PDB file of N, CA and C in Angstrom:
ATOM      1  N   UNK A   1      92.350  27.316  -2.714  1.00  0.00           N
ATOM      2  CA  UNK A   1      90.913  27.316  -2.510  1.00  0.00           C
ATOM      3  C   UNK A   1      90.241  27.630  -3.843  1.00  0.00           C
ATOM      4  N   UNK A   2      89.239  26.864  -4.215  1.00  0.00           N
ATOM      5  CA  UNK A   2      88.514  27.156  -5.454  1.00  0.00           C
ATOM      6  C   UNK A   2      87.892  28.560  -5.426  1.00  0.00           C
ATOM      7  N   UNK A   3      87.899  29.206  -6.576  1.00  0.00           N
ATOM      8  CA  UNK A   3      87.407  30.580  -6.667  1.00  0.00           C
ATOM      9  C   UNK A   3      85.964  30.722  -6.204  1.00  0.00           C
ATOM     10  N   UNK A   4      85.099  29.802  -6.615  1.00  0.00           N
ATOM     11  CA  UNK A   4      83.685  29.894  -6.236  1.00  0.00           C
ATOM     12  C   UNK A   4      83.515  29.827  -4.730  1.00  0.00           C
ATOM     13  N   UNK A   5      84.310  29.011  -4.070  1.00  0.00           N
ATOM     14  CA  UNK A   5      84.244  28.891  -2.613  1.00  0.00           C
ATOM     15  C   UNK A   5      84.729  30.176  -1.942  1.00  0.00           C
ATOM     16  N   UNK A   6      85.796  30.754  -2.464  1.00  0.00           N
ATOM     17  CA  UNK A   6      86.300  32.006  -1.897  1.00  0.00           C
ATOM     18  C   UNK A   6      85.309  33.149  -2.103  1.00  0.00           C
ATOM     19  N   UNK A   7      84.679  33.209  -3.263  1.00  0.00           N
ATOM     20  CA  UNK A   7      83.667  34.239  -3.520  1.00  0.00           C
ATOM     21  C   UNK A   7      82.516  34.101  -2.530  1.00  0.00           C
ATOM     22  N   UNK A   8      82.044  32.884  -2.340  1.00  0.00           N
ATOM     23  CA  UNK A   8      80.962  32.641  -1.376  1.00  0.00           C
ATOM     24  C   UNK A   8      81.366  33.073   0.016  1.00  0.00           C
ATOM     25  N   UNK A   9      82.598  32.769   0.399  1.00  0.00           N
ATOM     26  CA  UNK A   9      83.088  33.161   1.725  1.00  0.00           C
ATOM     27  C   UNK A   9      83.150  34.685   1.869  1.00  0.00           C
ATOM     28  N   UNK A  10      83.633  35.371   0.842  1.00  0.00           N
ATOM     29  CA  UNK A  10      83.702  36.835   0.898  1.00  0.00           C
ATOM     30  C   UNK A  10      82.306  37.452   1.005  1.00  0.00           C
ATOM     31  N   UNK A  11      81.350  36.916   0.255  1.00  0.00           N
ATOM     32  CA  UNK A  11      79.980  37.438   0.305  1.00  0.00           C
ATOM     33  C   UNK A  11      79.356  37.196   1.684  1.00  0.00           C
ATOM     34  N   UNK A  12      79.552  36.008   2.222  1.00  0.00           N
ATOM     35  CA  UNK A  12      78.986  35.708   3.548  1.00  0.00           C
ATOM     36  C   UNK A  12      79.652  36.536   4.645  1.00  0.00           C
ATOM     37  N   UNK A  13      80.962  36.705   4.544  1.00  0.00           N
ATOM     38  CA  UNK A  13      81.661  37.514   5.540  1.00  0.00           C
ATOM     39  C   UNK A  13      81.184  38.967   5.479  1.00  0.00           C
ATOM     40  N   UNK A  14      80.947  39.455   4.283  1.00  0.00           N
ATOM     41  CA  UNK A  14      80.425  40.818   4.120  1.00  0.00           C
ATOM     42  C   UNK A  14      79.066  40.945   4.795  1.00  0.00           C
ATOM     43  N   UNK A  15      78.179  39.988   4.559  1.00  0.00           N
ATOM     44  CA  UNK A  15      76.852  40.022   5.173  1.00  0.00           C
ATOM     45  C   UNK A  15      76.946  39.932   6.696  1.00  0.00           C
ATOM     46  N   UNK A  16      77.844  39.102   7.199  1.00  0.00           N
ATOM     47  CA  UNK A  16      77.966  38.971   8.653  1.00  0.00           C
ATOM     48  C   UNK A  16      78.523  40.235   9.296  1.00  0.00           C
ATOM     49  N   UNK A  17      79.190  41.073   8.499  1.00  0.00           N
ATOM     50  CA  UNK A  17      79.706  42.351   8.991  1.00  0.00           C
ATOM     51  C   UNK A  17      78.747  43.504   8.701  1.00  0.00           C
ATOM     52  N   UNK A  18      77.522  43.182   8.304  1.00  0.00           N
ATOM     53  CA  UNK A  18      76.513  44.211   8.088  1.00  0.00           C
ATOM     54  C   UNK A  18      76.516  44.844   6.715  1.00  0.00           C
ATOM     55  N   UNK A  19      77.222  44.255   5.784  1.00  0.00           N
ATOM     56  CA  UNK A  19      77.291  44.812   4.442  1.00  0.00           C
ATOM     57  C   UNK A  19      76.452  44.037   3.449  1.00  0.00           C
ATOM     58  N   UNK A  20      76.632  44.377   2.195  1.00  0.00           N
ATOM     59  CA  UNK A  20      75.897  43.750   1.102  1.00  0.00           C
ATOM     60  C   UNK A  20      76.899  43.380   0.015  1.00  0.00           C
ATOM     61  N   UNK A  21      76.727  42.221  -0.592  1.00  0.00           N
ATOM     62  CA  UNK A  21      77.616  41.817  -1.668  1.00  0.00           C
ATOM     63  C   UNK A  21      76.856  41.125  -2.772  1.00  0.00           C
ATOM     64  N   UNK A  22      77.396  41.228  -3.985  1.00  0.00           N
ATOM     65  CA  UNK A  22      76.778  40.531  -5.111  1.00  0.00           C
ATOM     66  C   UNK A  22      77.849  40.223  -6.158  1.00  0.00           C
ATOM     67  N   UNK A  23      77.555  39.231  -6.968  1.00  0.00           N
ATOM     68  CA  UNK A  23      78.448  38.834  -8.051  1.00  0.00           C
ATOM     69  C   UNK A  23      78.095  39.652  -9.286  1.00  0.00           C
ATOM     70  N   UNK A  24      79.071  40.371  -9.824  1.00  0.00           N
ATOM     71  CA  UNK A  24      78.874  41.140 -11.058  1.00  0.00           C
ATOM     72  C   UNK A  24      79.218  40.312 -12.285  1.00  0.00           C
ATOM     73  N   UNK A  25      80.198  39.423 -12.150  1.00  0.00           N
ATOM     74  CA  UNK A  25      80.559  38.518 -13.242  1.00  0.00           C
ATOM     75  C   UNK A  25      81.028  37.206 -12.642  1.00  0.00           C
ATOM     76  N   UNK A  26      80.402  36.130 -13.099  1.00  0.00           N
ATOM     77  CA  UNK A  26      80.735  34.798 -12.601  1.00  0.00           C
ATOM     78  C   UNK A  26      81.806  34.186 -13.495  1.00  0.00           C
ATOM     79  N   UNK A  27      82.910  33.803 -12.864  1.00  0.00           N
ATOM     80  CA  UNK A  27      84.018  33.220 -13.605  1.00  0.00           C
ATOM     81  C   UNK A  27      84.110  31.723 -13.428  1.00  0.00           C
ATOM     82  N   UNK A  28      85.284  31.192 -13.683  1.00  0.00           N
ATOM     83  CA  UNK A  28      85.525  29.765 -13.547  1.00  0.00           C
ATOM     84  C   UNK A  28      85.447  29.364 -12.074  1.00  0.00           C
ATOM     85  N   UNK A  29      84.709  28.309 -11.790  1.00  0.00           N
ATOM     86  CA  UNK A  29      84.465  27.892 -10.404  1.00  0.00           C
ATOM     87  C   UNK A  29      85.725  27.458  -9.683  1.00  0.00           C
ATOM     88  N   UNK A  30      86.686  26.927 -10.412  1.00  0.00           N
ATOM     89  CA  UNK A  30      87.882  26.418  -9.753  1.00  0.00           C
ATOM     90  C   UNK A  30      89.057  27.377  -9.764  1.00  0.00           C
ATOM     91  N   UNK A  31      89.374  27.929 -10.924  1.00  0.00           N
ATOM     92  CA  UNK A  31      90.633  28.663 -11.028  1.00  0.00           C
ATOM     93  C   UNK A  31      90.510  30.121 -11.442  1.00  0.00           C
ATOM     94  N   UNK A  32      89.328  30.672 -11.457  1.00  0.00           N
ATOM     95  CA  UNK A  32      89.170  32.061 -11.870  1.00  0.00           C
ATOM     96  C   UNK A  32      89.776  33.039 -10.878  1.00  0.00           C
ATOM     97  N   UNK A  33      90.388  34.082 -11.396  1.00  0.00           N
ATOM     98  CA  UNK A  33      90.882  35.166 -10.545  1.00  0.00           C
ATOM     99  C   UNK A  33      89.682  35.943 -10.011  1.00  0.00           C
ATOM    100  N   UNK A  34      89.884  36.671  -8.919  1.00  0.00           N
ATOM    101  CA  UNK A  34      88.781  37.405  -8.287  1.00  0.00           C
ATOM    102  C   UNK A  34      89.156  38.875  -8.173  1.00  0.00           C
ATOM    103  N   UNK A  35      88.255  39.735  -8.623  1.00  0.00           N
ATOM    104  CA  UNK A  35      88.364  41.172  -8.414  1.00  0.00           C
ATOM    105  C   UNK A  35      87.248  41.578  -7.469  1.00  0.00           C
ATOM    106  N   UNK A  36      87.564  42.475  -6.537  1.00  0.00           N
ATOM    107  CA  UNK A  36      86.575  42.976  -5.584  1.00  0.00           C
ATOM    108  C   UNK A  36      86.400  44.462  -5.821  1.00  0.00           C
ATOM    109  N   UNK A  37      85.164  44.877  -6.058  1.00  0.00           N
ATOM    110  CA  UNK A  37      84.824  46.291  -6.170  1.00  0.00           C
ATOM    111  C   UNK A  37      84.158  46.682  -4.854  1.00  0.00           C
ATOM    112  N   UNK A  38      84.848  47.516  -4.097  1.00  0.00           N
ATOM    113  CA  UNK A  38      84.298  48.016  -2.832  1.00  0.00           C
ATOM    114  C   UNK A  38      83.607  49.345  -3.125  1.00  0.00           C
ATOM    115  N   UNK A  39      82.328  49.437  -2.784  1.00  0.00           N
ATOM    116  CA  UNK A  39      81.547  50.633  -3.078  1.00  0.00           C
ATOM    117  C   UNK A  39      81.404  51.456  -1.805  1.00  0.00           C
ATOM    118  N   UNK A  40      81.718  52.752  -1.910  1.00  0.00           N
ATOM    119  CA  UNK A  40      81.621  53.626  -0.738  1.00  0.00           C
ATOM    120  C   UNK A  40      80.247  54.289  -0.652  1.00  0.00           C
ATOM    121  N   UNK A  41      80.079  55.162   0.300  1.00  0.00           N
ATOM    122  CA  UNK A  41      78.773  55.817   0.529  1.00  0.00           C
ATOM    123  C   UNK A  41      78.319  56.693  -0.619  1.00  0.00           C
ATOM    124  N   UNK A  42      79.277  57.194  -1.399  1.00  0.00           N
ATOM    125  CA  UNK A  42      78.933  58.027  -2.552  1.00  0.00           C
ATOM    126  C   UNK A  42      78.647  57.192  -3.795  1.00  0.00           C
ATOM    127  N   UNK A  43      78.758  55.882  -3.671  1.00  0.00           N
ATOM    128  CA  UNK A  43      78.508  55.003  -4.810  1.00  0.00           C
ATOM    129  C   UNK A  43      79.703  54.822  -5.723  1.00  0.00           C
ATOM    130  N   UNK A  44      80.887  55.240  -5.262  1.00  0.00           N
ATOM    131  CA  UNK A  44      82.097  55.101  -6.063  1.00  0.00           C
ATOM    132  C   UNK A  44      82.801  53.797  -5.712  1.00  0.00           C
ATOM    133  N   UNK A  45      83.374  53.164  -6.713  1.00  0.00           N
ATOM    134  CA  UNK A  45      84.038  51.887  -6.506  1.00  0.00           C
ATOM    135  C   UNK A  45      85.537  52.014  -6.400  1.00  0.00           C
ATOM    136  N   UNK A  46      86.114  51.131  -5.596  1.00  0.00           N
ATOM    137  CA  UNK A  46      87.557  50.956  -5.518  1.00  0.00           C
ATOM    138  C   UNK A  46      87.816  49.493  -5.835  1.00  0.00           C
ATOM    139  N   UNK A  47      88.713  49.244  -6.764  1.00  0.00           N
ATOM    140  CA  UNK A  47      88.972  47.891  -7.225  1.00  0.00           C
ATOM    141  C   UNK A  47      90.174  47.299  -6.498  1.00  0.00           C
ATOM    142  N   UNK A  48      89.974  46.076  -5.987  1.00  0.00           N
ATOM    143  CA  UNK A  48      91.038  45.337  -5.314  1.00  0.00           C
ATOM    144  C   UNK A  48      91.277  44.041  -6.066  1.00  0.00           C
ATOM    145  N   UNK A  49      92.549  43.662  -6.108  1.00  0.00           N
ATOM    146  CA  UNK A  49      92.924  42.409  -6.751  1.00  0.00           C
ATOM    147  C   UNK A  49      93.990  41.749  -5.886  1.00  0.00           C
ATOM    148  N   UNK A  50      93.941  40.440  -5.832  1.00  0.00           N
ATOM    149  CA  UNK A  50      94.953  39.717  -5.071  1.00  0.00           C
ATOM    150  C   UNK A  50      96.193  39.595  -5.943  1.00  0.00           C
ATOM    151  N   UNK A  51      97.267  40.227  -5.476  1.00  0.00           N
ATOM    152  CA  UNK A  51      98.529  40.227  -6.207  1.00  0.00           C
ATOM    153  C   UNK A  51      99.586  39.499  -5.379  1.00  0.00           C
ATOM    154  N   UNK A  52     100.586  38.935  -6.036  1.00  0.00           N
ATOM    155  CA  UNK A  52     101.638  38.255  -5.282  1.00  0.00           C
ATOM    156  C   UNK A  52     102.322  39.209  -4.306  1.00  0.00           C
ATOM    157  N   UNK A  53     102.658  38.696  -3.158  1.00  0.00           N
ATOM    158  CA  UNK A  53     103.350  39.474  -2.142  1.00  0.00           C
ATOM    159  C   UNK A  53     104.835  39.524  -2.508  1.00  0.00           C
ATOM    160  N   UNK A  54     105.399  40.716  -2.780  1.00  0.00           N
ATOM    161  CA  UNK A  54     106.798  40.784  -3.203  1.00  0.00           C
ATOM    162  C   UNK A  54     107.767  40.284  -2.127  1.00  0.00           C
ATOM    163  N   UNK A  55     107.374  40.358  -0.866  1.00  0.00           N
ATOM    164  CA  UNK A  55     108.236  39.889   0.210  1.00  0.00           C
ATOM    165  C   UNK A  55     108.221  38.365   0.336  1.00  0.00           C
ATOM    166  N   UNK A  56     107.117  37.765  -0.073  1.00  0.00           N
ATOM    167  CA  UNK A  56     106.951  36.314   0.020  1.00  0.00           C
ATOM    168  C   UNK A  56     106.342  35.778  -1.273  1.00  0.00           C
ATOM    169  N   UNK A  57     107.102  35.790  -2.389  1.00  0.00           N
ATOM    170  CA  UNK A  57     106.515  35.386  -3.675  1.00  0.00           C
ATOM    171  C   UNK A  57     106.032  33.939  -3.696  1.00  0.00           C
ATOM    172  N   UNK A  58     106.586  33.111  -2.846  1.00  0.00           N
ATOM    173  CA  UNK A  58     106.154  31.715  -2.827  1.00  0.00           C
ATOM    174  C   UNK A  58     104.837  31.534  -2.090  1.00  0.00           C
ATOM    175  N   UNK A  59     104.456  32.527  -1.291  1.00  0.00           N
ATOM    176  CA  UNK A  59     103.208  32.439  -0.535  1.00  0.00           C
ATOM    177  C   UNK A  59     102.035  32.689  -1.463  1.00  0.00           C
ATOM    178  N   UNK A  60     101.103  31.817  -1.444  1.00  0.00           N
ATOM    179  CA  UNK A  60      99.924  31.989  -2.267  1.00  0.00           C
ATOM    180  C   UNK A  60      98.735  32.092  -1.354  1.00  0.00           C
ATOM    181  N   UNK A  61      97.717  32.821  -1.625  1.00  0.00           N
ATOM    182  CA  UNK A  61      97.447  33.477  -2.898  1.00  0.00           C
ATOM    183  C   UNK A  61      97.902  34.927  -2.973  1.00  0.00           C
ATOM    184  N   UNK A  62      98.559  35.466  -1.976  1.00  0.00           N
ATOM    185  CA  UNK A  62      99.010  36.848  -2.039  1.00  0.00           C
ATOM    186  C   UNK A  62      98.101  37.772  -1.247  1.00  0.00           C
ATOM    187  N   UNK A  63      98.367  39.058  -1.354  1.00  0.00           N
ATOM    188  CA  UNK A  63      97.607  40.063  -0.602  1.00  0.00           C
ATOM    189  C   UNK A  63      96.675  40.833  -1.521  1.00  0.00           C
ATOM    190  N   UNK A  64      95.556  41.263  -0.928  1.00  0.00           N
ATOM    191  CA  UNK A  64      94.630  42.124  -1.667  1.00  0.00           C
ATOM    192  C   UNK A  64      95.247  43.510  -1.733  1.00  0.00           C
ATOM    193  N   UNK A  65      95.272  44.081  -2.921  1.00  0.00           N
ATOM    194  CA  UNK A  65      95.816  45.416  -3.111  1.00  0.00           C
ATOM    195  C   UNK A  65      94.876  46.241  -3.976  1.00  0.00           C
ATOM    196  N   UNK A  66      94.806  47.516  -3.648  1.00  0.00           N
ATOM    197  CA  UNK A  66      93.993  48.426  -4.455  1.00  0.00           C
ATOM    198  C   UNK A  66      94.703  48.637  -5.786  1.00  0.00           C
ATOM    199  N   UNK A  67      93.969  48.462  -6.874  1.00  0.00           N
ATOM    200  CA  UNK A  67      94.563  48.631  -8.200  1.00  0.00           C
ATOM    201  C   UNK A  67      93.931  49.765  -9.008  1.00  0.00           C
ATOM    202  N   UNK A  68      92.761  50.218  -8.574  1.00  0.00           N
ATOM    203  CA  UNK A  68      92.094  51.284  -9.333  1.00  0.00           C
ATOM    204  C   UNK A  68      90.986  51.876  -8.469  1.00  0.00           C
ATOM    205  N   UNK A  69      90.780  53.176  -8.611  1.00  0.00           N
ATOM    206  CA  UNK A  69      89.685  53.848  -7.911  1.00  0.00           C
ATOM    207  C   UNK A  69      88.836  54.591  -8.938  1.00  0.00           C
ATOM    208  N   UNK A  70      87.545  54.585  -8.698  1.00  0.00           N
ATOM    209  CA  UNK A  70      86.625  55.236  -9.620  1.00  0.00           C
ATOM    210  C   UNK A  70      86.669  56.742  -9.418  1.00  0.00           C
ATOM    211  N   UNK A  71      86.857  57.459 -10.503  1.00  0.00           N
ATOM    212  CA  UNK A  71      86.883  58.916 -10.491  1.00  0.00           C
ATOM    213  C   UNK A  71      85.439  59.404 -10.642  1.00  0.00           C
ATOM    214  N   UNK A  72      84.967  60.286  -9.733  1.00  0.00           N
ATOM    215  CA  UNK A  72      83.578  60.747  -9.822  1.00  0.00           C
ATOM    216  C   UNK A  72      83.246  61.409 -11.155  1.00  0.00           C
ATOM    217  N   UNK A  73      84.220  62.057 -11.768  1.00  0.00           N
ATOM    218  CA  UNK A  73      83.969  62.748 -13.031  1.00  0.00           C
ATOM    219  C   UNK A  73      83.956  61.789 -14.224  1.00  0.00           C
ATOM    220  N   UNK A  74      84.508  60.586 -14.034  1.00  0.00           N
ATOM    221  CA  UNK A  74      84.605  59.629 -15.142  1.00  0.00           C
ATOM    222  C   UNK A  74      84.146  58.246 -14.689  1.00  0.00           C
ATOM    223  N   UNK A  75      82.926  58.146 -14.229  1.00  0.00           N
ATOM    224  CA  UNK A  75      82.402  56.875 -13.714  1.00  0.00           C
ATOM    225  C   UNK A  75      82.419  55.779 -14.772  1.00  0.00           C
ATOM    226  N   UNK A  76      82.126  56.114 -16.002  1.00  0.00           N
ATOM    227  CA  UNK A  76      82.048  55.109 -17.059  1.00  0.00           C
ATOM    228  C   UNK A  76      83.406  54.471 -17.336  1.00  0.00           C
ATOM    229  N   UNK A  77      84.485  55.202 -17.156  1.00  0.00           N
ATOM    230  CA  UNK A  77      85.815  54.656 -17.417  1.00  0.00           C
ATOM    231  C   UNK A  77      86.111  53.460 -16.517  1.00  0.00           C
ATOM    232  N   UNK A  78      85.625  53.496 -15.292  1.00  0.00           N
ATOM    233  CA  UNK A  78      85.803  52.384 -14.350  1.00  0.00           C
ATOM    234  C   UNK A  78      85.062  51.145 -14.852  1.00  0.00           C
ATOM    235  N   UNK A  79      83.816  51.333 -15.263  1.00  0.00           N
ATOM    236  CA  UNK A  79      83.026  50.220 -15.799  1.00  0.00           C
ATOM    237  C   UNK A  79      83.636  49.674 -17.086  1.00  0.00           C
ATOM    238  N   UNK A  80      84.152  50.564 -17.918  1.00  0.00           N
ATOM    239  CA  UNK A  80      84.800  50.132 -19.158  1.00  0.00           C
ATOM    240  C   UNK A  80      86.038  49.289 -18.854  1.00  0.00           C
ATOM    241  N   UNK A  81      86.775  49.673 -17.825  1.00  0.00           N
ATOM    242  CA  UNK A  81      87.957  48.904 -17.424  1.00  0.00           C
ATOM    243  C   UNK A  81      87.554  47.485 -17.005  1.00  0.00           C
ATOM    244  N   UNK A  82      86.498  47.375 -16.201  1.00  0.00           N
ATOM    245  CA  UNK A  82      86.023  46.061 -15.770  1.00  0.00           C
ATOM    246  C   UNK A  82      85.586  45.222 -16.970  1.00  0.00           C
ATOM    247  N   UNK A  83      84.900  45.848 -17.926  1.00  0.00           N
ATOM    248  CA  UNK A  83      84.472  45.136 -19.138  1.00  0.00           C
ATOM    249  C   UNK A  83      85.676  44.613 -19.927  1.00  0.00           C
ATOM    250  N   UNK A  84      86.716  45.430 -20.036  1.00  0.00           N
ATOM    251  CA  UNK A  84      87.921  44.999 -20.759  1.00  0.00           C
ATOM    252  C   UNK A  84      88.595  43.825 -20.044  1.00  0.00           C
ATOM    253  N   UNK A  85      88.614  43.867 -18.722  1.00  0.00           N
ATOM    254  CA  UNK A  85      89.215  42.759 -17.964  1.00  0.00           C
ATOM    255  C   UNK A  85      88.463  41.458 -18.220  1.00  0.00           C
ATOM    256  N   UNK A  86      87.131  41.523 -18.256  1.00  0.00           N
ATOM    257  CA  UNK A  86      86.328  40.323 -18.513  1.00  0.00           C
ATOM    258  C   UNK A  86      86.543  39.830 -19.939  1.00  0.00           C
ATOM    259  N   UNK A  87      86.658  40.743 -20.893  1.00  0.00           N
ATOM    260  CA  UNK A  87      86.895  40.335 -22.280  1.00  0.00           C
ATOM    261  C   UNK A  87      88.231  39.605 -22.415  1.00  0.00           C
ATOM    262  N   UNK A  88      89.249  40.070 -21.686  1.00  0.00           N
ATOM    263  CA  UNK A  88      90.561  39.426 -21.742  1.00  0.00           C
ATOM    264  C   UNK A  88      90.615  38.125 -20.956  1.00  0.00           C
ATOM    265  N   UNK A  89      89.784  38.025 -19.901  1.00  0.00           N
ATOM    266  CA  UNK A  89      89.802  36.840 -19.046  1.00  0.00           C
ATOM    267  C   UNK A  89      88.376  36.470 -18.654  1.00  0.00           C
ATOM    268  N   UNK A  90      87.685  35.686 -19.475  1.00  0.00           N
ATOM    269  CA  UNK A  90      86.291  35.344 -19.180  1.00  0.00           C
ATOM    270  C   UNK A  90      86.130  34.480 -17.928  1.00  0.00           C
ATOM    271  N   UNK A  91      87.231  33.894 -17.416  1.00  0.00           N
ATOM    272  CA  UNK A  91      87.176  33.095 -16.186  1.00  0.00           C
ATOM    273  C   UNK A  91      87.194  33.959 -14.929  1.00  0.00           C
ATOM    274  N   UNK A  92      87.345  35.253 -15.100  1.00  0.00           N
ATOM    275  CA  UNK A  92      87.463  36.207 -14.009  1.00  0.00           C
ATOM    276  C   UNK A  92      86.149  36.374 -13.247  1.00  0.00           C
ATOM    277  N   UNK A  93      86.246  36.424 -11.933  1.00  0.00           N
ATOM    278  CA  UNK A  93      85.105  36.759 -11.071  1.00  0.00           C
ATOM    279  C   UNK A  93      85.206  38.235 -10.713  1.00  0.00           C
ATOM    280  N   UNK A  94      84.076  38.928 -10.724  1.00  0.00           N
ATOM    281  CA  UNK A  94      84.025  40.298 -10.199  1.00  0.00           C
ATOM    282  C   UNK A  94      82.889  40.334  -9.198  1.00  0.00           C
ATOM    283  N   UNK A  95      83.225  40.709  -7.956  1.00  0.00           N
ATOM    284  CA  UNK A  95      82.192  40.851  -6.938  1.00  0.00           C
ATOM    285  C   UNK A  95      82.196  42.273  -6.417  1.00  0.00           C
ATOM    286  N   UNK A  96      81.024  42.725  -6.027  1.00  0.00           N
ATOM    287  CA  UNK A  96      80.866  44.073  -5.487  1.00  0.00           C
ATOM    288  C   UNK A  96      80.478  43.939  -4.018  1.00  0.00           C
ATOM    289  N   UNK A  97      81.192  44.663  -3.166  1.00  0.00           N
ATOM    290  CA  UNK A  97      80.928  44.641  -1.731  1.00  0.00           C
ATOM    291  C   UNK A  97      80.644  46.057  -1.256  1.00  0.00           C
ATOM    292  N   UNK A  98      79.555  46.221  -0.524  1.00  0.00           N
ATOM    293  CA  UNK A  98      79.228  47.499   0.090  1.00  0.00           C
ATOM    294  C   UNK A  98      79.315  47.288   1.589  1.00  0.00           C
ATOM    295  N   UNK A  99      80.380  47.815   2.185  1.00  0.00           N
ATOM    296  CA  UNK A  99      80.641  47.636   3.607  1.00  0.00           C
ATOM    297  C   UNK A  99      81.496  48.808   4.080  1.00  0.00           C
ATOM    298  N   UNK A 100      81.371  49.170   5.340  1.00  0.00           N
ATOM    299  CA  UNK A 100      82.023  50.367   5.862  1.00  0.00           C
ATOM    300  C   UNK A 100      83.543  50.348   5.664  1.00  0.00           C
ATOM    301  N   UNK A 101      84.219  49.292   6.073  1.00  0.00           N
ATOM    302  CA  UNK A 101      85.675  49.241   5.980  1.00  0.00           C
ATOM    303  C   UNK A 101      86.090  47.918   5.357  1.00  0.00           C
ATOM    304  N   UNK A 102      86.038  47.845   4.052  1.00  0.00           N
ATOM    305  CA  UNK A 102      86.288  46.597   3.346  1.00  0.00           C
ATOM    306  C   UNK A 102      87.713  46.096   3.566  1.00  0.00           C
ATOM    307  N   UNK A 103      88.665  47.000   3.632  1.00  0.00           N
ATOM    308  CA  UNK A 103      90.060  46.569   3.799  1.00  0.00           C
ATOM    309  C   UNK A 103      90.265  45.861   5.136  1.00  0.00           C
ATOM    310  N   UNK A 104      89.739  46.418   6.193  1.00  0.00           N
ATOM    311  CA  UNK A 104      89.967  45.835   7.507  1.00  0.00           C
ATOM    312  C   UNK A 104      89.087  44.600   7.745  1.00  0.00           C
ATOM    313  N   UNK A 105      87.848  44.670   7.344  1.00  0.00           N
ATOM    314  CA  UNK A 105      86.923  43.604   7.728  1.00  0.00           C
ATOM    315  C   UNK A 105      86.916  42.409   6.785  1.00  0.00           C
ATOM    316  N   UNK A 106      87.231  42.593   5.530  1.00  0.00           N
ATOM    317  CA  UNK A 106      87.114  41.494   4.572  1.00  0.00           C
ATOM    318  C   UNK A 106      88.457  41.126   3.950  1.00  0.00           C
ATOM    319  N   UNK A 107      89.114  42.080   3.355  1.00  0.00           N
ATOM    320  CA  UNK A 107      90.276  41.773   2.563  1.00  0.00           C
ATOM    321  C   UNK A 107      91.550  41.528   3.378  1.00  0.00           C
ATOM    322  N   UNK A 108      91.691  42.188   4.495  1.00  0.00           N
ATOM    323  CA  UNK A 108      92.867  42.014   5.343  1.00  0.00           C
ATOM    324  C   UNK A 108      92.460  41.901   6.799  1.00  0.00           C
ATOM    325  N   UNK A 109      91.683  40.877   7.152  1.00  0.00           N
ATOM    326  CA  UNK A 109      91.240  40.774   8.527  1.00  0.00           C
ATOM    327  C   UNK A 109      92.409  40.551   9.478  1.00  0.00           C
ATOM    328  N   UNK A 110      92.240  41.042  10.691  1.00  0.00           N
ATOM    329  CA  UNK A 110      93.328  40.912  11.683  1.00  0.00           C
ATOM    330  C   UNK A 110      93.479  39.490  12.152  1.00  0.00           C
TER     331      UNK A 110
END
């Protein structure tokens, strides 16, 4: 699935579940990787990335996995990490989702 289409689907699914989503960095429409920043009630972000499933490496695109959480004492370090990721991969998409249970409702729906 093209990245732009998947981003649109994630944003619409978030809205249909009562949440809010926005694009923080627009990447390549066809092949850009996607990072999801889930924001909690305290305004802290948790970063998810789709990584290959070790049990099924041939299955694409893989499962969403938490790769980083924002530390309240070091909020800027999280933003700096995202900036470094974009510098290394300008085709990367970063979207921010504010929703009660991002893992269950968006990233790993039943």
